[in-house]
Amino acid sequence: MRRKMCKRKGFTMVELMVVVIIMAILGLAVMPSLVGSSEKAKYSRAWNDLNAISNAFTAFYGRVGNLPSINGTTLTDTSVSGTITDLSGASLNSKDLLQSFLGTPLANLKDPWGNPYKIKADWSSSTGRGYIVVYVASEEGNKKSADFGSVTVDARLDPYNNNQPMAKLVINVM
């Protein structure tokens, strides 16, 4: 007597378990590379912002022949020495021109950790030199001093870039 063989439809439980186990192993292999990627992206975005701000100031200086006025102080005044914490305090004409170079409203320009970018300027009439540095504010335990001529800033460290301080020289006039 011959038994009639019927065709199976679907998968057996063993086949499904093998597929699930293989997917779990692949997921565990990929997970470590995905965990740090969002933090690394923040540092990458901050460097891109620093470059954009630097380029905007350079373009502004090239077009106007001076630097913008922020919080009532022109950055090239010989009395300027210190930290300016908020770019949104730029004078109206300066703000519009800087904003056009940056492509974003200055009030919205914050680092990936939610803090405004900082600018430190030192313009000395005695030496005829001037430095303007833009940098990412440091947090306790994650900072490094960076020297740019007469300007020293405590900037956030970038662990993905050999612990470089996140600071960029914007203008250096000799």
C-alpha atoms as a PDB file:
ATOM      1  CA  MET A   1       0.000   0.000   0.000  1.00  0.00           C
ATOM      2  CA  ARG A   2       1.276   3.326  -0.946  1.00  0.00           C
ATOM      3  CA  ARG A   3       0.826   6.268   1.182  1.00  0.00           C
ATOM      4  CA  LYS A   4      -0.006   9.489  -0.475  1.00  0.00           C
ATOM      5  CA  MET A   5       2.574  12.209   0.282  1.00  0.00           C
ATOM      6  CA  CYS A   6       1.162  15.630   0.727  1.00  0.00           C
ATOM      7  CA  LYS A   7       3.132  18.791   0.185  1.00  0.00           C
ATOM      8  CA  ARG A   8       3.883  20.800   3.294  1.00  0.00           C
ATOM      9  CA  LYS A   9       3.022  24.447   3.425  1.00  0.00           C
ATOM     10  CA  GLY A  10       4.945  26.793   5.707  1.00  0.00           C
ATOM     11  CA  PHE A  11       7.985  26.322   7.933  1.00  0.00           C
ATOM     12  CA  THR A  12       8.609  23.969  10.802  1.00  0.00           C
ATOM     13  CA  MET A  13       9.246  25.304  14.273  1.00  0.00           C
ATOM     14  CA  VAL A  14      12.903  24.232  14.055  1.00  0.00           C
ATOM     15  CA  GLU A  15      13.441  26.207  10.857  1.00  0.00           C
ATOM     16  CA  LEU A  16      11.886  29.315  12.392  1.00  0.00           C
ATOM     17  CA  MET A  17      14.047  29.002  15.514  1.00  0.00           C
ATOM     18  CA  VAL A  18      17.205  28.716  13.395  1.00  0.00           C
ATOM     19  CA  VAL A  19      16.298  31.913  11.514  1.00  0.00           C
ATOM     20  CA  VAL A  20      15.556  33.777  14.759  1.00  0.00           C
ATOM     21  CA  ILE A  21      18.863  32.665  16.298  1.00  0.00           C
ATOM     22  CA  ILE A  22      20.823  33.752  13.202  1.00  0.00           C
ATOM     23  CA  MET A  23      19.121  37.154  13.239  1.00  0.00           C
ATOM     24  CA  ALA A  24      19.895  37.583  16.951  1.00  0.00           C
ATOM     25  CA  ILE A  25      23.576  36.781  16.379  1.00  0.00           C
ATOM     26  CA  LEU A  26      23.767  39.273  13.510  1.00  0.00           C
ATOM     27  CA  GLY A  27      22.018  41.904  15.634  1.00  0.00           C
ATOM     28  CA  LEU A  28      24.494  41.436  18.473  1.00  0.00           C
ATOM     29  CA  ALA A  29      27.392  41.739  16.043  1.00  0.00           C
ATOM     30  CA  VAL A  30      26.121  45.067  14.634  1.00  0.00           C
ATOM     31  CA  MET A  31      24.961  46.623  17.937  1.00  0.00           C
ATOM     32  CA  PRO A  32      28.355  47.877  19.237  1.00  0.00           C
ATOM     33  CA  SER A  33      28.996  49.898  16.097  1.00  0.00           C
ATOM     34  CA  LEU A  34      25.595  51.594  16.326  1.00  0.00           C
ATOM     35  CA  VAL A  35      25.748  52.518  20.013  1.00  0.00           C
ATOM     36  CA  GLY A  36      28.402  55.263  19.732  1.00  0.00           C
ATOM     37  CA  SER A  37      27.341  56.649  16.370  1.00  0.00           C
ATOM     38  CA  SER A  38      24.889  59.254  17.714  1.00  0.00           C
ATOM     39  CA  GLU A  39      27.520  60.764  20.028  1.00  0.00           C
ATOM     40  CA  LYS A  40      30.081  60.765  17.241  1.00  0.00           C
ATOM     41  CA  ALA A  41      27.557  62.556  15.011  1.00  0.00           C
ATOM     42  CA  LYS A  42      27.222  65.340  17.621  1.00  0.00           C
ATOM     43  CA  TYR A  43      30.959  65.995  17.535  1.00  0.00           C
ATOM     44  CA  SER A  44      30.952  65.932  13.732  1.00  0.00           C
ATOM     45  CA  ARG A  45      28.085  68.444  13.615  1.00  0.00           C
ATOM     46  CA  ALA A  46      29.856  70.730  16.090  1.00  0.00           C
ATOM     47  CA  TRP A  47      33.015  70.776  13.933  1.00  0.00           C
ATOM     48  CA  ASN A  48      30.911  71.552  10.859  1.00  0.00           C
ATOM     49  CA  ASP A  49      29.211  74.413  12.719  1.00  0.00           C
ATOM     50  CA  LEU A  50      32.574  75.804  13.852  1.00  0.00           C
ATOM     51  CA  ASN A  51      33.790  75.780  10.255  1.00  0.00           C
ATOM     52  CA  ALA A  52      30.571  77.439   9.045  1.00  0.00           C
ATOM     53  CA  ILE A  53      30.804  80.173  11.698  1.00  0.00           C
ATOM     54  CA  SER A  54      34.450  80.766  10.846  1.00  0.00           C
ATOM     55  CA  ASN A  55      33.653  80.995   7.141  1.00  0.00           C
ATOM     56  CA  ALA A  56      30.720  83.348   7.819  1.00  0.00           C
ATOM     57  CA  PHE A  57      32.933  85.712   9.843  1.00  0.00           C
ATOM     58  CA  THR A  58      35.619  85.597   7.154  1.00  0.00           C
ATOM     59  CA  ALA A  59      33.058  86.341   4.422  1.00  0.00           C
ATOM     60  CA  PHE A  60      31.580  89.146   6.544  1.00  0.00           C
ATOM     61  CA  TYR A  61      35.057  90.623   7.076  1.00  0.00           C
ATOM     62  CA  GLY A  62      35.783  90.331   3.337  1.00  0.00           C
ATOM     63  CA  ARG A  63      32.532  92.029   2.339  1.00  0.00           C
ATOM     64  CA  VAL A  64      32.304  94.751   5.014  1.00  0.00           C
ATOM     65  CA  GLY A  65      35.983  95.239   5.888  1.00  0.00           C
ATOM     66  CA  ASN A  66      35.239  94.924   9.583  1.00  0.00           C
ATOM     67  CA  LEU A  67      33.849  92.342  11.952  1.00  0.00           C
ATOM     68  CA  PRO A  68      30.282  92.342  13.259  1.00  0.00           C
ATOM     69  CA  SER A  69      29.165  94.158  16.342  1.00  0.00           C
ATOM     70  CA  ILE A  70      28.007  91.720  19.028  1.00  0.00           C
ATOM     71  CA  ASN A  71      26.324  92.871  22.228  1.00  0.00           C
ATOM     72  CA  GLY A  72      27.180  96.475  21.342  1.00  0.00           C
ATOM     73  CA  THR A  73      30.893  95.791  20.895  1.00  0.00           C
ATOM     74  CA  THR A  74      32.668  95.682  17.568  1.00  0.00           C
ATOM     75  CA  LEU A  75      34.955  92.680  17.708  1.00  0.00           C
ATOM     76  CA  THR A  76      37.896  94.650  16.310  1.00  0.00           C
ATOM     77  CA  ASP A  77      37.750  97.368  18.993  1.00  0.00           C
ATOM     78  CA  THR A  78      41.097  97.555  20.746  1.00  0.00           C
ATOM     79  CA  SER A  79      39.319  97.321  24.081  1.00  0.00           C
ATOM     80  CA  VAL A  80      37.851  93.898  23.290  1.00  0.00           C
ATOM     81  CA  SER A  81      39.284  91.097  25.334  1.00  0.00           C
ATOM     82  CA  GLY A  82      37.087  88.372  26.677  1.00  0.00           C
ATOM     83  CA  THR A  83      34.293  85.970  25.954  1.00  0.00           C
ATOM     84  CA  ILE A  84      31.148  86.802  24.052  1.00  0.00           C
ATOM     85  CA  THR A  85      28.659  84.053  24.684  1.00  0.00           C
ATOM     86  CA  ASP A  86      25.745  84.748  22.406  1.00  0.00           C
ATOM     87  CA  LEU A  87      25.894  85.327  18.668  1.00  0.00           C
ATOM     88  CA  SER A  88      22.232  86.350  18.630  1.00  0.00           C
ATOM     89  CA  GLY A  89      23.298  89.657  20.233  1.00  0.00           C
ATOM     90  CA  ALA A  90      24.789  90.812  16.932  1.00  0.00           C
ATOM     91  CA  SER A  91      23.617  94.201  15.695  1.00  0.00           C
ATOM     92  CA  LEU A  92      20.761  94.085  13.202  1.00  0.00           C
ATOM     93  CA  ASN A  93      22.797  94.658  10.022  1.00  0.00           C
ATOM     94  CA  SER A  94      25.545  92.354  11.233  1.00  0.00           C
ATOM     95  CA  LYS A  95      22.983  89.744  12.235  1.00  0.00           C
ATOM     96  CA  ASP A  96      21.279  89.772   8.828  1.00  0.00           C
ATOM     97  CA  LEU A  97      24.552  89.498   6.946  1.00  0.00           C
ATOM     98  CA  LEU A  98      25.992  86.815   9.238  1.00  0.00           C
ATOM     99  CA  GLN A  99      22.716  84.920   9.036  1.00  0.00           C
ATOM    100  CA  SER A 100      22.817  85.018   5.230  1.00  0.00           C
ATOM    101  CA  PHE A 101      26.353  83.598   5.260  1.00  0.00           C
ATOM    102  CA  LEU A 102      25.459  80.899   7.806  1.00  0.00           C
ATOM    103  CA  GLY A 103      22.084  80.021   6.351  1.00  0.00           C
ATOM    104  CA  THR A 104      20.433  79.737   9.773  1.00  0.00           C
ATOM    105  CA  PRO A 105      19.021  82.229  12.280  1.00  0.00           C
ATOM    106  CA  LEU A 106      21.682  83.136  14.834  1.00  0.00           C
ATOM    107  CA  ALA A 107      19.265  82.615  17.723  1.00  0.00           C
ATOM    108  CA  ASN A 108      18.947  78.958  16.672  1.00  0.00           C
ATOM    109  CA  LEU A 109      22.693  78.421  16.412  1.00  0.00           C
ATOM    110  CA  LYS A 110      23.514  76.157  19.344  1.00  0.00           C
ATOM    111  CA  ASP A 111      25.961  73.317  19.710  1.00  0.00           C
ATOM    112  CA  PRO A 112      24.604  69.748  19.680  1.00  0.00           C
ATOM    113  CA  TRP A 113      24.491  69.770  23.501  1.00  0.00           C
ATOM    114  CA  GLY A 114      22.145  72.803  23.527  1.00  0.00           C
ATOM    115  CA  ASN A 115      24.630  75.550  24.481  1.00  0.00           C
ATOM    116  CA  PRO A 116      25.438  78.639  22.427  1.00  0.00           C
ATOM    117  CA  TYR A 117      28.780  78.667  20.656  1.00  0.00           C
ATOM    118  CA  LYS A 118      31.267  80.974  22.351  1.00  0.00           C
ATOM    119  CA  ILE A 119      33.514  83.560  20.801  1.00  0.00           C
ATOM    120  CA  LYS A 120      36.637  84.918  22.426  1.00  0.00           C
ATOM    121  CA  ALA A 121      38.372  87.970  21.035  1.00  0.00           C
ATOM    122  CA  ASP A 122      41.560  89.815  21.816  1.00  0.00           C
ATOM    123  CA  TRP A 123      42.383  92.900  19.804  1.00  0.00           C
ATOM    124  CA  SER A 124      45.445  94.802  20.894  1.00  0.00           C
ATOM    125  CA  SER A 125      46.378  98.203  19.480  1.00  0.00           C
ATOM    126  CA  SER A 126      49.890  98.028  20.905  1.00  0.00           C
ATOM    127  CA  THR A 127      50.877  94.998  18.860  1.00  0.00           C
ATOM    128  CA  GLY A 128      48.483  95.590  15.992  1.00  0.00           C
ATOM    129  CA  ARG A 129      47.361  91.982  16.226  1.00  0.00           C
ATOM    130  CA  GLY A 130      43.951  90.510  16.652  1.00  0.00           C
ATOM    131  CA  TYR A 131      42.582  87.073  17.265  1.00  0.00           C
ATOM    132  CA  ILE A 132      39.024  85.832  17.260  1.00  0.00           C
ATOM    133  CA  VAL A 133      38.326  82.235  18.240  1.00  0.00           C
ATOM    134  CA  VAL A 134      34.994  80.415  18.158  1.00  0.00           C
ATOM    135  CA  TYR A 135      34.678  77.319  20.328  1.00  0.00           C
ATOM    136  CA  VAL A 136      32.370  74.807  21.952  1.00  0.00           C
ATOM    137  CA  ALA A 137      31.828  75.397  25.654  1.00  0.00           C
ATOM    138  CA  SER A 138      33.486  72.790  27.816  1.00  0.00           C
ATOM    139  CA  GLU A 139      31.938  70.750  30.553  1.00  0.00           C
ATOM    140  CA  GLU A 140      33.708  69.866  33.775  1.00  0.00           C
ATOM    141  CA  GLY A 141      36.130  67.003  33.201  1.00  0.00           C
ATOM    142  CA  ASN A 142      35.921  67.292  29.413  1.00  0.00           C
ATOM    143  CA  LYS A 143      37.952  70.366  28.584  1.00  0.00           C
ATOM    144  CA  LYS A 144      41.329  71.343  27.303  1.00  0.00           C
ATOM    145  CA  SER A 145      43.023  74.709  26.984  1.00  0.00           C
ATOM    146  CA  ALA A 146      43.829  75.800  23.461  1.00  0.00           C
ATOM    147  CA  ASP A 147      46.140  78.711  22.725  1.00  0.00           C
ATOM    148  CA  PHE A 148      45.682  80.930  19.683  1.00  0.00           C
ATOM    149  CA  GLY A 149      48.170  83.773  19.953  1.00  0.00           C
ATOM    150  CA  SER A 150      47.019  85.844  22.900  1.00  0.00           C
ATOM    151  CA  VAL A 151      43.702  83.997  23.201  1.00  0.00           C
ATOM    152  CA  THR A 152      43.353  80.929  25.410  1.00  0.00           C
ATOM    153  CA  VAL A 153      40.048  79.064  25.592  1.00  0.00           C
ATOM    154  CA  ASP A 154      38.821  76.079  27.576  1.00  0.00           C
ATOM    155  CA  ALA A 155      37.066  74.061  24.910  1.00  0.00           C
ATOM    156  CA  ARG A 156      35.303  70.706  24.897  1.00  0.00           C
ATOM    157  CA  LEU A 157      37.511  67.755  23.984  1.00  0.00           C
ATOM    158  CA  ASP A 158      36.696  65.665  20.939  1.00  0.00           C
ATOM    159  CA  PRO A 159      37.336  62.022  21.909  1.00  0.00           C
ATOM    160  CA  TYR A 160      36.891  60.949  18.280  1.00  0.00           C
ATOM    161  CA  ASN A 161      39.624  63.309  17.047  1.00  0.00           C
ATOM    162  CA  ASN A 162      42.634  62.582  19.286  1.00  0.00           C
ATOM    163  CA  ASN A 163      41.167  64.651  22.151  1.00  0.00           C
ATOM    164  CA  GLN A 164      41.541  67.878  20.189  1.00  0.00           C
ATOM    165  CA  PRO A 165      39.961  70.969  21.770  1.00  0.00           C
ATOM    166  CA  MET A 166      36.902  71.998  19.770  1.00  0.00           C
ATOM    167  CA  ALA A 167      38.049  75.503  18.880  1.00  0.00           C
ATOM    168  CA  LYS A 168      38.632  77.258  15.588  1.00  0.00           C
ATOM    169  CA  LEU A 169      40.652  80.382  14.853  1.00  0.00           C
ATOM    170  CA  VAL A 170      38.310  82.711  12.977  1.00  0.00           C
ATOM    171  CA  ILE A 171      40.426  85.784  12.306  1.00  0.00           C
ATOM    172  CA  ASN A 172      44.119  86.339  12.862  1.00  0.00           C
ATOM    173  CA  VAL A 173      45.261  89.815  11.876  1.00  0.00           C
ATOM    174  CA  MET A 174      48.961  90.471  12.129  1.00  0.00           C
END
